[in-house]
Protein backbone atom coordinates (compact mmCIF):
# COMPACT_ATOMS: atom_id res chain seq x y z
CA MET A 1 -79.36 -219.11 -19.50
CA LYS A 2 -79.58 -217.40 -22.90
CA SER A 3 -79.69 -219.03 -26.32
CA LYS A 4 -79.44 -218.26 -30.01
CA THR A 5 -80.10 -220.47 -33.03
CA ILE A 6 -78.02 -220.77 -36.19
CA ASN A 7 -78.99 -223.16 -39.01
CA GLY A 8 -81.11 -225.18 -36.58
CA VAL A 9 -78.35 -225.48 -33.94
CA ARG A 10 -79.04 -223.87 -30.56
CA VAL A 11 -76.15 -222.18 -28.76
CA ILE A 12 -76.84 -221.99 -25.00
CA PHE A 13 -74.79 -219.82 -22.68
CA ASP A 14 -74.58 -217.72 -19.57
CA SER A 15 -74.94 -214.01 -20.32
CA ARG A 16 -71.31 -213.47 -19.26
CA GLU A 17 -70.22 -215.66 -22.20
CA GLN A 18 -72.03 -213.70 -24.92
CA ALA A 19 -68.86 -213.03 -26.95
CA THR A 20 -67.93 -216.72 -26.99
CA ALA A 21 -71.47 -217.71 -27.96
CA ASP A 22 -71.49 -215.24 -30.86
CA LEU A 23 -68.20 -216.64 -32.13
CA ILE A 24 -69.47 -220.23 -31.83
CA ALA A 25 -72.63 -219.34 -33.77
CA ASP A 26 -70.66 -217.69 -36.60
CA SER A 27 -68.24 -220.63 -36.74
CA ALA A 28 -71.07 -223.17 -36.71
CA ALA A 29 -72.61 -221.73 -39.87
CA GLN A 30 -69.32 -222.13 -41.76
CA ALA A 31 -68.61 -225.57 -40.32
CA LEU A 32 -72.03 -227.06 -41.09
CA HIS A 33 -71.74 -226.08 -44.75
CA LEU A 34 -68.26 -227.60 -44.95
CA ILE A 35 -69.30 -230.85 -43.21
CA GLN A 36 -72.17 -231.39 -45.63
CA GLU A 37 -69.99 -230.58 -48.63
CA SER A 38 -67.09 -232.79 -47.50
CA TRP A 39 -68.90 -235.79 -46.06
CA GLY A 40 -72.56 -235.51 -47.02
CA LEU A 41 -73.54 -235.20 -43.34
CA ARG A 42 -76.21 -232.91 -41.90
CA SER A 43 -76.77 -231.49 -38.44
CA PRO A 44 -78.83 -233.68 -36.08
CA GLU A 45 -82.49 -232.72 -35.71
CA ASP A 46 -81.84 -231.64 -32.10
CA CYS A 47 -78.30 -230.25 -31.79
CA ARG A 48 -77.22 -227.93 -28.96
CA ILE A 49 -73.92 -226.26 -28.18
CA TYR A 50 -73.22 -225.18 -24.61
CA VAL A 51 -70.54 -222.78 -23.50
CA MET A 52 -69.23 -225.25 -20.93
CA THR A 53 -67.91 -224.00 -17.60
CA SER A 54 -68.06 -227.26 -15.56
CA TRP A 55 -68.23 -230.92 -16.45
CA TRP A 56 -71.17 -231.74 -14.19
CA GLY A 57 -73.05 -228.61 -15.26
CA PHE A 58 -72.73 -229.58 -18.91
CA PHE A 59 -74.11 -233.08 -18.44
CA PHE A 60 -77.06 -232.07 -16.30
CA GLN A 61 -77.95 -228.99 -18.37
CA SER A 62 -77.70 -230.74 -21.72
CA ALA A 63 -79.54 -233.99 -20.94
CA PRO A 64 -83.30 -234.48 -21.55
CA TRP A 65 -85.29 -235.14 -18.37
CA LEU A 66 -85.33 -238.92 -18.59
CA TRP A 67 -81.58 -238.87 -19.19
CA LYS A 68 -81.07 -236.62 -16.17
CA ILE A 69 -82.70 -239.29 -14.01
CA MET A 70 -80.51 -242.00 -15.53
CA LEU A 71 -77.36 -239.87 -15.12
CA SER A 72 -78.23 -239.29 -11.47
CA LEU A 73 -78.75 -242.99 -10.83
CA THR A 74 -75.55 -244.01 -12.61
CA PHE A 75 -73.42 -241.10 -11.38
CA PRO A 76 -70.93 -243.32 -9.46
CA PHE A 77 -70.16 -245.24 -12.67
CA TRP A 78 -69.29 -242.32 -14.97
CA TYR A 79 -68.24 -239.36 -12.86
CA SER A 80 -64.63 -240.53 -12.38
CA ARG A 81 -64.08 -240.71 -16.14
CA ALA A 82 -65.55 -237.23 -16.65
CA ARG A 83 -63.50 -235.77 -13.80
CA ARG A 84 -60.34 -237.48 -15.07
CA THR A 85 -60.66 -236.13 -18.61
CA TRP A 86 -61.94 -232.64 -17.74
CA PRO A 87 -58.53 -230.99 -17.14
CA TYR A 88 -57.24 -231.70 -20.66
CA SER A 89 -60.55 -231.70 -22.57
CA ALA A 90 -61.35 -228.50 -24.47
CA ALA A 91 -64.74 -229.72 -25.67
CA TRP A 92 -67.09 -232.69 -25.51
CA THR A 93 -69.89 -234.15 -27.62
CA GLN A 94 -72.54 -236.29 -25.95
CA ARG A 95 -75.44 -238.13 -27.60
CA TYR A 96 -78.76 -238.57 -25.76
CA GLY A 97 -80.94 -240.51 -28.18
CA ARG A 98 -81.97 -238.01 -30.86
CA ARG A 99 -80.33 -235.08 -29.07
CA VAL A 100 -76.65 -234.36 -29.59
CA ALA A 101 -75.11 -231.91 -27.13
CA ILE A 102 -71.74 -230.20 -27.53
CA GLY A 103 -69.86 -228.48 -24.73
CA ILE A 104 -67.07 -226.01 -25.54
CA LYS A 105 -64.96 -224.36 -22.87
CA PRO A 106 -64.72 -220.55 -23.05
CA PRO A 107 -61.28 -218.93 -23.57
CA SER A 108 -60.83 -218.33 -19.83
CA LEU A 109 -60.97 -222.09 -19.13
CA LEU A 110 -59.06 -223.08 -22.25
CA GLU A 111 -56.19 -220.95 -21.02
CA ILE A 112 -55.82 -222.94 -17.79
CA SER A 113 -56.51 -226.40 -19.28
CA ASP A 114 -53.82 -229.07 -19.32
CA LYS A 115 -52.26 -228.69 -22.79
CA SER A 116 -49.71 -231.51 -22.54
CA ILE A 117 -51.58 -233.82 -24.93
CA GLY A 118 -52.48 -231.06 -27.35
CA LEU A 119 -48.83 -230.01 -27.62
CA LEU A 120 -48.00 -233.49 -28.91
CA MET A 121 -50.56 -233.19 -31.69
CA PHE A 122 -51.52 -229.70 -32.78
CA GLU A 123 -49.75 -226.84 -34.48
CA GLU A 124 -49.57 -223.99 -31.98
CA GLU A 125 -52.50 -221.58 -32.08
CA LYS A 126 -52.25 -218.57 -29.77
CA ASP A 127 -55.38 -216.72 -30.86
CA PRO A 128 -58.23 -217.77 -28.52
CA ARG A 129 -60.85 -216.88 -31.15
CA GLU A 130 -59.24 -219.28 -33.61
CA LYS A 131 -59.24 -221.99 -30.95
CA ILE A 132 -63.00 -221.56 -30.51
CA ARG A 133 -63.51 -221.82 -34.29
CA HIS A 134 -61.35 -224.97 -34.31
CA LEU A 135 -63.34 -226.58 -31.49
CA THR A 136 -66.72 -225.66 -32.96
CA CYS A 137 -65.88 -227.27 -36.31
CA HIS A 138 -64.32 -230.35 -34.67
CA GLU A 139 -67.25 -231.04 -32.36
CA LEU A 140 -69.91 -230.31 -34.98
CA THR A 141 -68.28 -232.94 -37.18
CA HIS A 142 -68.71 -235.40 -34.30
CA ALA A 143 -72.34 -234.30 -33.89
CA CYS A 144 -73.19 -234.68 -37.57
CA SER A 145 -71.71 -238.20 -37.67
CA ALA A 146 -73.04 -239.33 -34.27
CA HIS A 147 -75.78 -241.48 -35.84
CA LEU A 148 -73.11 -243.56 -37.63
CA LYS A 149 -71.57 -244.69 -34.32
CA LEU A 150 -68.08 -244.45 -35.79
CA PRO A 151 -65.07 -246.03 -34.08
CA ALA A 152 -62.98 -243.51 -32.14
CA TRP A 153 -60.12 -243.42 -34.69
CA LEU A 154 -62.45 -242.48 -37.55
CA ASN A 155 -64.51 -240.12 -35.42
CA GLU A 156 -61.40 -238.14 -34.44
CA GLY A 157 -59.72 -238.38 -37.84
CA LEU A 158 -62.78 -237.10 -39.65
CA ALA A 159 -63.10 -234.12 -37.31
CA ALA A 160 -59.41 -233.19 -37.54
CA VAL A 161 -59.39 -233.31 -41.35
CA THR A 162 -62.53 -231.15 -41.45
CA VAL A 163 -60.78 -228.54 -39.30
CA ASP A 164 -57.85 -228.54 -41.74
CA ARG A 165 -60.27 -227.80 -44.56
CA LEU A 166 -61.93 -224.99 -42.64
CA PHE A 167 -58.61 -223.31 -41.88
CA GLU A 168 -57.11 -224.24 -45.26
CA LYS A 169 -53.94 -225.48 -43.59
CA ARG A 170 -52.63 -228.44 -41.62
CA THR A 171 -53.54 -228.11 -37.94
CA ILE A 172 -51.96 -231.44 -36.87
CA ARG A 173 -48.18 -231.36 -36.54
CA SER A 174 -46.32 -233.03 -39.40
CA ASP A 175 -43.87 -234.62 -36.98
CA THR A 176 -46.72 -236.74 -35.60
CA LEU A 177 -45.97 -239.01 -38.56
CA GLU A 178 -42.90 -240.13 -36.67
CA LEU A 179 -45.08 -240.96 -33.66
CA LEU A 180 -47.36 -242.90 -36.00
CA ARG A 181 -44.42 -244.87 -37.42
CA SER A 182 -42.59 -245.61 -34.18
CA TYR A 183 -45.37 -246.20 -31.65
CA THR A 184 -45.94 -249.77 -30.51
CA PRO A 185 -47.84 -252.02 -30.17
CA LYS A 186 -49.58 -251.90 -33.56
CA GLU A 187 -52.99 -253.06 -32.42
CA ARG A 188 -56.65 -252.30 -33.08
CA PRO A 189 -57.44 -248.74 -31.93
CA LEU A 190 -58.88 -248.20 -28.49
CA THR A 191 -62.42 -247.13 -27.63
CA TYR A 192 -63.08 -243.79 -25.92
CA ARG A 193 -63.58 -245.53 -22.60
CA GLU A 194 -60.22 -247.30 -22.94
CA LEU A 195 -58.51 -244.09 -24.06
CA SER A 196 -59.62 -242.25 -20.92
CA ARG A 197 -57.33 -244.55 -18.91
CA GLN A 198 -54.26 -244.03 -21.11
CA GLY A 199 -51.31 -241.67 -20.82
CA GLY A 200 -50.82 -238.61 -23.00
CA LYS A 201 -48.60 -240.24 -25.62
CA ALA A 202 -51.03 -243.12 -26.18
CA ILE A 203 -53.98 -240.74 -26.52
CA ALA A 204 -52.04 -238.57 -28.98
CA TYR A 205 -51.04 -241.62 -31.03
CA GLN A 206 -54.60 -242.87 -31.32
CA ALA A 207 -55.84 -239.43 -32.40
CA VAL A 208 -53.16 -238.77 -35.02
CA ARG A 209 -53.49 -242.32 -36.33
CA GLY A 210 -57.08 -241.56 -37.22
CA TYR A 211 -56.15 -238.21 -38.72
CA TRP A 212 -53.43 -239.55 -41.01
CA LEU A 213 -55.55 -242.54 -42.05
CA VAL A 214 -58.42 -240.26 -43.11
CA GLN A 215 -55.93 -238.03 -44.95
CA TYR A 216 -54.51 -241.10 -46.68
CA LEU A 217 -57.96 -242.27 -47.75
CA GLU A 218 -58.81 -238.82 -49.08
CA ASP A 219 -55.52 -238.68 -51.02
CA CYS A 220 -55.67 -242.15 -52.54
CA HIS A 221 -59.42 -242.89 -52.60
CA PRO A 222 -61.18 -239.49 -52.69
CA GLY A 223 -64.90 -239.67 -52.02
CA PHE A 224 -64.72 -243.18 -50.57
CA LEU A 225 -65.66 -242.15 -47.03
CA LYS A 226 -68.40 -239.77 -48.15
CA GLY A 227 -69.95 -242.53 -50.23
CA ASN A 228 -69.82 -245.03 -47.40
CA PHE A 229 -71.38 -242.66 -44.89
CA SER A 230 -74.50 -242.54 -47.04
CA SER A 231 -74.63 -246.23 -47.97
CA THR A 232 -72.92 -248.48 -45.45
CA GLY A 233 -74.55 -247.67 -42.14
CA GLU A 234 -72.74 -247.92 -38.83
CA GLY A 235 -69.07 -247.78 -37.96
CA GLN A 236 -68.11 -251.45 -37.93
CA ALA A 237 -69.24 -251.91 -41.54
CA ILE A 238 -67.33 -248.79 -42.58
CA GLU A 239 -64.16 -250.05 -40.90
CA GLU A 240 -64.40 -253.35 -42.78
CA ALA A 241 -65.01 -251.44 -46.02
CA VAL A 242 -61.83 -249.40 -45.45
CA ALA A 243 -59.74 -252.58 -45.18
CA ARG A 244 -61.26 -253.95 -48.38
CA GLU A 245 -60.74 -250.68 -50.25
CA LEU A 246 -57.06 -250.59 -49.29
CA GLY A 247 -56.54 -254.25 -50.17
CA ILE A 248 -55.43 -255.33 -46.70
CA GLU A 249 -56.69 -258.43 -44.93
CA PRO A 250 -58.80 -257.34 -41.92
CA ASP A 251 -56.71 -259.38 -39.46
CA ARG A 252 -53.52 -257.63 -40.66
CA PHE A 253 -54.94 -254.16 -41.19
CA TRP A 254 -53.85 -252.47 -37.97
CA SER A 255 -50.39 -254.08 -37.96
CA GLU A 256 -49.68 -252.79 -41.49
CA ILE A 257 -51.51 -249.52 -42.00
CA ASP A 258 -49.17 -247.22 -40.04
CA ASP A 259 -46.18 -248.09 -42.23
CA ARG A 260 -48.19 -247.65 -45.39
CA ILE A 261 -49.37 -244.20 -44.30
CA SER A 262 -45.87 -243.16 -43.19
CA ALA A 263 -44.43 -244.15 -46.56
CA HIS A 264 -47.14 -242.30 -48.46
CA PHE A 265 -46.51 -239.06 -46.57
CA GLY A 266 -42.72 -239.26 -46.83
CA LEU A 267 -41.42 -241.41 -43.98
CA GLU A 268 -40.16 -244.25 -46.20
CA GLN A 269 -38.82 -247.23 -44.28
CA PRO A 270 -36.28 -249.77 -45.55
CA GLY A 271 -38.16 -252.34 -47.61
CA ALA A 272 -41.45 -250.43 -47.32
CA GLY A 273 -43.51 -249.34 -50.29
CA ASP A 274 -46.49 -247.07 -50.80
CA GLY A 275 -49.01 -249.65 -51.92
CA GLY A 276 -51.58 -246.88 -51.86
CA GLY A 277 -53.20 -247.80 -55.17
């Protein structure tokens, strides 16, 4: 395996994937600057990006030695989830204590991946180089916020909004607002483990819910998230702070927030108001 380092992040790859590794390294430099500027977050002390050609190879290459032993012993408990999500996953981020490892599929594997969920969410991007830039920024945002242990909705929303800023355009389809408005039940968002057992529409809804909520917060309360990332601590406290900031009782937050977001971005419902403050 070969490697190169950019701004403290190691990119690790097979020699046949040199072009993809070079693109990831260039994209990482841009993304890390944007992530710090937008959210006040820095790269982990030990951050590695792998050009990922198999799910099992990524886990066993990226893990420290003690984690390799644990992964081997617990293999029956996690392999089915990894195998189930591999066909439609373009990239992964995995935390091993202080090390955060990112795996990004090369263009040859992205081309044959199951795109059914992505088609529900993303604006079409045909250029494989742009897809790699998108994935690098998205996953580095996850890596830089890994120590906060954010809930899945915020983790995904933060990464998607950061990609928008890198590309200076909306990369999530505007018509996902209709999915946000109409999807039921309106319950607390799922964890990643729970999401891995859901169908494509449910996964898309959970992801775009986080995206539009982060966009809403940035529109109506700019700087709120950045300030909380430096002062609040871990994800549960941040989630409670979001409810307080928006003036919604915590026990009603998830039943009300979708309609408020939809109204703010132009999907006004009878009797609904902005209330965005």
